[in-house]
């Protein structure tokens, strides 16, 4: 019950396509990609700040 098989993914994709239409999906994916990129950049900045603090305490 924990894993989703290919049939479930196909059903989800069809529902999303019906809800948003073919023209909206690329816009949604572009926004999602930008959000993921921003999150990665922020987490890299946090890692650098943490390592800098560790170096200062040594």
PDB file of N, CA and C in Angstrom:
ATOM      1  N   UNK A   1       0.811  -1.186   0.000  1.00  0.00           N
ATOM      2  CA  UNK A   1       0.000   0.000   0.000  1.00  0.00           C
ATOM      3  C   UNK A   1       0.863   1.262   0.000  1.00  0.00           C
ATOM      4  N   UNK A   2       2.111   1.186   0.401  1.00  0.00           N
ATOM      5  CA  UNK A   2       2.941   2.362   0.537  1.00  0.00           C
ATOM      6  C   UNK A   2       3.446   2.925  -0.781  1.00  0.00           C
ATOM      7  N   UNK A   3       3.667   2.080  -1.750  1.00  0.00           N
ATOM      8  CA  UNK A   3       4.241   2.547  -3.015  1.00  0.00           C
ATOM      9  C   UNK A   3       3.164   2.758  -4.068  1.00  0.00           C
ATOM     10  N   UNK A   4       3.454   3.725  -4.936  1.00  0.00           N
ATOM     11  CA  UNK A   4       2.522   3.989  -6.031  1.00  0.00           C
ATOM     12  C   UNK A   4       3.060   3.334  -7.295  1.00  0.00           C
ATOM     13  N   UNK A   5       2.228   2.580  -7.946  1.00  0.00           N
ATOM     14  CA  UNK A   5       2.613   1.907  -9.168  1.00  0.00           C
ATOM     15  C   UNK A   5       2.362   2.788 -10.383  1.00  0.00           C
ATOM     16  N   UNK A   6       2.710   2.268 -11.555  1.00  0.00           N
ATOM     17  CA  UNK A   6       2.531   3.047 -12.780  1.00  0.00           C
ATOM     18  C   UNK A   6       1.070   3.393 -13.067  1.00  0.00           C
ATOM     19  N   UNK A   7       0.156   2.524 -12.689  1.00  0.00           N
ATOM     20  CA  UNK A   7      -1.261   2.803 -12.933  1.00  0.00           C
ATOM     21  C   UNK A   7      -1.722   4.019 -12.139  1.00  0.00           C
ATOM     22  N   UNK A   8      -1.306   4.112 -10.895  1.00  0.00           N
ATOM     23  CA  UNK A   8      -1.686   5.258 -10.071  1.00  0.00           C
ATOM     24  C   UNK A   8      -1.119   6.551 -10.633  1.00  0.00           C
ATOM     25  N   UNK A   9       0.145   6.513 -11.093  1.00  0.00           N
ATOM     26  CA  UNK A   9       0.770   7.712 -11.676  1.00  0.00           C
ATOM     27  C   UNK A   9       0.030   8.165 -12.932  1.00  0.00           C
ATOM     28  N   UNK A  10      -0.391   7.217 -13.754  1.00  0.00           N
ATOM     29  CA  UNK A  10      -1.124   7.556 -14.979  1.00  0.00           C
ATOM     30  C   UNK A  10      -2.450   8.210 -14.634  1.00  0.00           C
ATOM     31  N   UNK A  11      -3.146   7.670 -13.631  1.00  0.00           N
ATOM     32  CA  UNK A  11      -4.424   8.249 -13.219  1.00  0.00           C
ATOM     33  C   UNK A  11      -4.216   9.677 -12.710  1.00  0.00           C
ATOM     34  N   UNK A  12      -3.186   9.881 -11.901  1.00  0.00           N
ATOM     35  CA  UNK A  12      -2.900  11.224 -11.377  1.00  0.00           C
ATOM     36  C   UNK A  12      -2.583  12.183 -12.518  1.00  0.00           C
ATOM     37  N   UNK A  13      -1.767  11.771 -13.479  1.00  0.00           N
ATOM     38  CA  UNK A  13      -1.433  12.627 -14.617  1.00  0.00           C
ATOM     39  C   UNK A  13      -2.656  12.985 -15.449  1.00  0.00           C
ATOM     40  N   UNK A  14      -3.540  12.027 -15.649  1.00  0.00           N
ATOM     41  CA  UNK A  14      -4.759  12.296 -16.416  1.00  0.00           C
ATOM     42  C   UNK A  14      -5.649  13.292 -15.677  1.00  0.00           C
ATOM     43  N   UNK A  15      -5.766  13.143 -14.365  1.00  0.00           N
ATOM     44  CA  UNK A  15      -6.584  14.076 -13.576  1.00  0.00           C
ATOM     45  C   UNK A  15      -5.992  15.477 -13.636  1.00  0.00           C
ATOM     46  N   UNK A  16      -4.671  15.590 -13.491  1.00  0.00           N
ATOM     47  CA  UNK A  16      -4.016  16.900 -13.565  1.00  0.00           C
ATOM     48  C   UNK A  16      -4.227  17.518 -14.939  1.00  0.00           C
ATOM     49  N   UNK A  17      -4.098  16.721 -15.978  1.00  0.00           N
ATOM     50  CA  UNK A  17      -4.306  17.217 -17.339  1.00  0.00           C
ATOM     51  C   UNK A  17      -5.737  17.705 -17.531  1.00  0.00           C
ATOM     52  N   UNK A  18      -6.692  16.981 -16.988  1.00  0.00           N
ATOM     53  CA  UNK A  18      -8.089  17.402 -17.112  1.00  0.00           C
ATOM     54  C   UNK A  18      -8.383  18.666 -16.305  1.00  0.00           C
ATOM     55  N   UNK A  19      -7.763  18.789 -15.139  1.00  0.00           N
ATOM     56  CA  UNK A  19      -8.016  19.955 -14.291  1.00  0.00           C
ATOM     57  C   UNK A  19      -7.398  21.228 -14.844  1.00  0.00           C
ATOM     58  N   UNK A  20      -6.152  21.137 -15.288  1.00  0.00           N
ATOM     59  CA  UNK A  20      -5.423  22.338 -15.677  1.00  0.00           C
ATOM     60  C   UNK A  20      -5.332  22.560 -17.180  1.00  0.00           C
ATOM     61  N   UNK A  21      -5.500  21.533 -17.953  1.00  0.00           N
ATOM     62  CA  UNK A  21      -5.394  21.670 -19.399  1.00  0.00           C
ATOM     63  C   UNK A  21      -3.942  21.599 -19.861  1.00  0.00           C
ATOM     64  N   UNK A  22      -3.758  21.347 -21.123  1.00  0.00           N
ATOM     65  CA  UNK A  22      -2.425  21.157 -21.686  1.00  0.00           C
ATOM     66  C   UNK A  22      -1.578  22.414 -21.719  1.00  0.00           C
ATOM     67  N   UNK A  23      -2.204  23.571 -21.802  1.00  0.00           N
ATOM     68  CA  UNK A  23      -1.443  24.813 -21.915  1.00  0.00           C
ATOM     69  C   UNK A  23      -0.918  25.288 -20.560  1.00  0.00           C
ATOM     70  N   UNK A  24      -1.601  24.955 -19.488  1.00  0.00           N
ATOM     71  CA  UNK A  24      -1.209  25.427 -18.155  1.00  0.00           C
ATOM     72  C   UNK A  24      -0.088  24.588 -17.547  1.00  0.00           C
ATOM     73  N   UNK A  25       0.026  23.331 -17.930  1.00  0.00           N
ATOM     74  CA  UNK A  25       0.993  22.433 -17.302  1.00  0.00           C
ATOM     75  C   UNK A  25       2.435  22.916 -17.464  1.00  0.00           C
ATOM     76  N   UNK A  26       2.886  23.362 -18.643  1.00  0.00           N
ATOM     77  CA  UNK A  26       4.264  23.871 -18.726  1.00  0.00           C
ATOM     78  C   UNK A  26       4.512  25.067 -17.810  1.00  0.00           C
ATOM     79  N   UNK A  27       3.520  25.933 -17.654  1.00  0.00           N
ATOM     80  CA  UNK A  27       3.663  27.079 -16.752  1.00  0.00           C
ATOM     81  C   UNK A  27       3.800  26.600 -15.303  1.00  0.00           C
ATOM     82  N   UNK A  28       3.012  25.604 -14.924  1.00  0.00           N
ATOM     83  CA  UNK A  28       3.092  25.070 -13.570  1.00  0.00           C
ATOM     84  C   UNK A  28       4.446  24.425 -13.306  1.00  0.00           C
ATOM     85  N   UNK A  29       4.950  23.671 -14.277  1.00  0.00           N
ATOM     86  CA  UNK A  29       6.239  23.009 -14.116  1.00  0.00           C
ATOM     87  C   UNK A  29       7.379  24.023 -14.056  1.00  0.00           C
ATOM     88  N   UNK A  30       7.264  25.095 -14.816  1.00  0.00           N
ATOM     89  CA  UNK A  30       8.281  26.147 -14.789  1.00  0.00           C
ATOM     90  C   UNK A  30       8.330  26.789 -13.407  1.00  0.00           C
ATOM     91  N   UNK A  31       7.170  27.076 -12.843  1.00  0.00           N
ATOM     92  CA  UNK A  31       7.109  27.642 -11.499  1.00  0.00           C
ATOM     93  C   UNK A  31       7.636  26.683 -10.448  1.00  0.00           C
ATOM     94  N   UNK A  32       7.319  25.416 -10.606  1.00  0.00           N
ATOM     95  CA  UNK A  32       7.809  24.403  -9.678  1.00  0.00           C
ATOM     96  C   UNK A  32       9.324  24.288  -9.754  1.00  0.00           C
ATOM     97  N   UNK A  33       9.858  24.305 -10.971  1.00  0.00           N
ATOM     98  CA  UNK A  33      11.310  24.236 -11.154  1.00  0.00           C
ATOM     99  C   UNK A  33      12.016  25.435 -10.545  1.00  0.00           C
ATOM    100  N   UNK A  34      11.432  26.605 -10.706  1.00  0.00           N
ATOM    101  CA  UNK A  34      12.029  27.813 -10.117  1.00  0.00           C
ATOM    102  C   UNK A  34      12.021  27.721  -8.599  1.00  0.00           C
ATOM    103  N   UNK A  35      10.965  27.195  -8.036  1.00  0.00           N
ATOM    104  CA  UNK A  35      10.890  27.030  -6.586  1.00  0.00           C
ATOM    105  C   UNK A  35      11.922  26.048  -6.064  1.00  0.00           C
ATOM    106  N   UNK A  36      12.109  24.946  -6.777  1.00  0.00           N
ATOM    107  CA  UNK A  36      13.107  23.949  -6.372  1.00  0.00           C
ATOM    108  C   UNK A  36      14.509  24.544  -6.466  1.00  0.00           C
ATOM    109  N   UNK A  37      14.779  25.297  -7.529  1.00  0.00           N
ATOM    110  CA  UNK A  37      16.095  25.926  -7.688  1.00  0.00           C
ATOM    111  C   UNK A  37      16.358  26.914  -6.553  1.00  0.00           C
ATOM    112  N   UNK A  38      15.360  27.713  -6.213  1.00  0.00           N
ATOM    113  CA  UNK A  38      15.503  28.686  -5.128  1.00  0.00           C
ATOM    114  C   UNK A  38      15.755  27.969  -3.805  1.00  0.00           C
ATOM    115  N   UNK A  39      15.076  26.862  -3.572  1.00  0.00           N
ATOM    116  CA  UNK A  39      15.278  26.085  -2.350  1.00  0.00           C
ATOM    117  C   UNK A  39      16.695  25.526  -2.285  1.00  0.00           C
ATOM    118  N   UNK A  40      17.195  25.001  -3.399  1.00  0.00           N
ATOM    119  CA  UNK A  40      18.561  24.471  -3.432  1.00  0.00           C
ATOM    120  C   UNK A  40      19.576  25.570  -3.163  1.00  0.00           C
ATOM    121  N   UNK A  41      19.383  26.731  -3.780  1.00  0.00           N
ATOM    122  CA  UNK A  41      20.298  27.855  -3.563  1.00  0.00           C
ATOM    123  C   UNK A  41      20.300  28.281  -2.104  1.00  0.00           C
ATOM    124  N   UNK A  42      19.123  28.325  -1.491  1.00  0.00           N
ATOM    125  CA  UNK A  42      19.030  28.724  -0.093  1.00  0.00           C
ATOM    126  C   UNK A  42      19.696  27.697   0.818  1.00  0.00           C
ATOM    127  N   UNK A  43      19.528  26.425   0.503  1.00  0.00           N
ATOM    128  CA  UNK A  43      20.137  25.395   1.345  1.00  0.00           C
ATOM    129  C   UNK A  43      21.653  25.391   1.190  1.00  0.00           C
ATOM    130  N   UNK A  44      22.161  25.694  -0.007  1.00  0.00           N
ATOM    131  CA  UNK A  44      23.610  25.803  -0.194  1.00  0.00           C
ATOM    132  C   UNK A  44      24.159  26.972   0.611  1.00  0.00           C
ATOM    133  N   UNK A  45      23.454  28.082   0.601  1.00  0.00           N
ATOM    134  CA  UNK A  45      23.871  29.246   1.371  1.00  0.00           C
ATOM    135  C   UNK A  45      23.901  28.941   2.860  1.00  0.00           C
ATOM    136  N   UNK A  46      22.927  28.180   3.330  1.00  0.00           N
ATOM    137  CA  UNK A  46      22.873  27.796   4.742  1.00  0.00           C
ATOM    138  C   UNK A  46      24.036  26.876   5.092  1.00  0.00           C
ATOM    139  N   UNK A  47      24.367  25.933   4.201  1.00  0.00           N
ATOM    140  CA  UNK A  47      25.502  25.040   4.436  1.00  0.00           C
ATOM    141  C   UNK A  47      26.805  25.828   4.517  1.00  0.00           C
ATOM    142  N   UNK A  48      26.967  26.802   3.634  1.00  0.00           N
ATOM    143  CA  UNK A  48      28.182  27.613   3.639  1.00  0.00           C
ATOM    144  C   UNK A  48      28.265  28.438   4.911  1.00  0.00           C
ATOM    145  N   UNK A  49      27.147  28.983   5.366  1.00  0.00           N
ATOM    146  CA  UNK A  49      27.142  29.776   6.593  1.00  0.00           C
ATOM    147  C   UNK A  49      27.472  28.906   7.801  1.00  0.00           C
ATOM    148  N   UNK A  50      26.949  27.686   7.819  1.00  0.00           N
ATOM    149  CA  UNK A  50      27.219  26.769   8.923  1.00  0.00           C
ATOM    150  C   UNK A  50      28.691  26.377   8.951  1.00  0.00           C
ATOM    151  N   UNK A  51      29.263  26.057   7.795  1.00  0.00           N
ATOM    152  CA  UNK A  51      30.670  25.666   7.760  1.00  0.00           C
ATOM    153  C   UNK A  51      31.569  26.851   8.121  1.00  0.00           C
ATOM    154  N   UNK A  52      31.160  28.055   7.760  1.00  0.00           N
ATOM    155  CA  UNK A  52      31.935  29.249   8.107  1.00  0.00           C
ATOM    156  C   UNK A  52      31.928  29.457   9.620  1.00  0.00           C
ATOM    157  N   UNK A  53      30.778  29.250  10.261  1.00  0.00           N
ATOM    158  CA  UNK A  53      30.683  29.369  11.721  1.00  0.00           C
ATOM    159  C   UNK A  53      31.563  28.332  12.409  1.00  0.00           C
ATOM    160  N   UNK A  54      31.582  27.113  11.870  1.00  0.00           N
ATOM    161  CA  UNK A  54      32.387  26.045  12.460  1.00  0.00           C
ATOM    162  C   UNK A  54      33.872  26.396  12.363  1.00  0.00           C
ATOM    163  N   UNK A  55      34.286  26.983  11.264  1.00  0.00           N
ATOM    164  CA  UNK A  55      35.683  27.373  11.097  1.00  0.00           C
ATOM    165  C   UNK A  55      36.066  28.487  12.063  1.00  0.00           C
ATOM    166  N   UNK A  56      35.136  29.410  12.328  1.00  0.00           N
ATOM    167  CA  UNK A  56      35.406  30.513  13.238  1.00  0.00           C
ATOM    168  C   UNK A  56      35.547  30.043  14.679  1.00  0.00           C
ATOM    169  N   UNK A  57      34.835  28.976  15.057  1.00  0.00           N
ATOM    170  CA  UNK A  57      34.889  28.493  16.426  1.00  0.00           C
ATOM    171  C   UNK A  57      36.138  27.659  16.702  1.00  0.00           C
ATOM    172  N   UNK A  58      36.831  27.242  15.667  1.00  0.00           N
ATOM    173  CA  UNK A  58      38.042  26.417  15.858  1.00  0.00           C
ATOM    174  C   UNK A  58      39.220  27.242  16.233  1.00  0.00           C
TER     175      UNK A  58
END
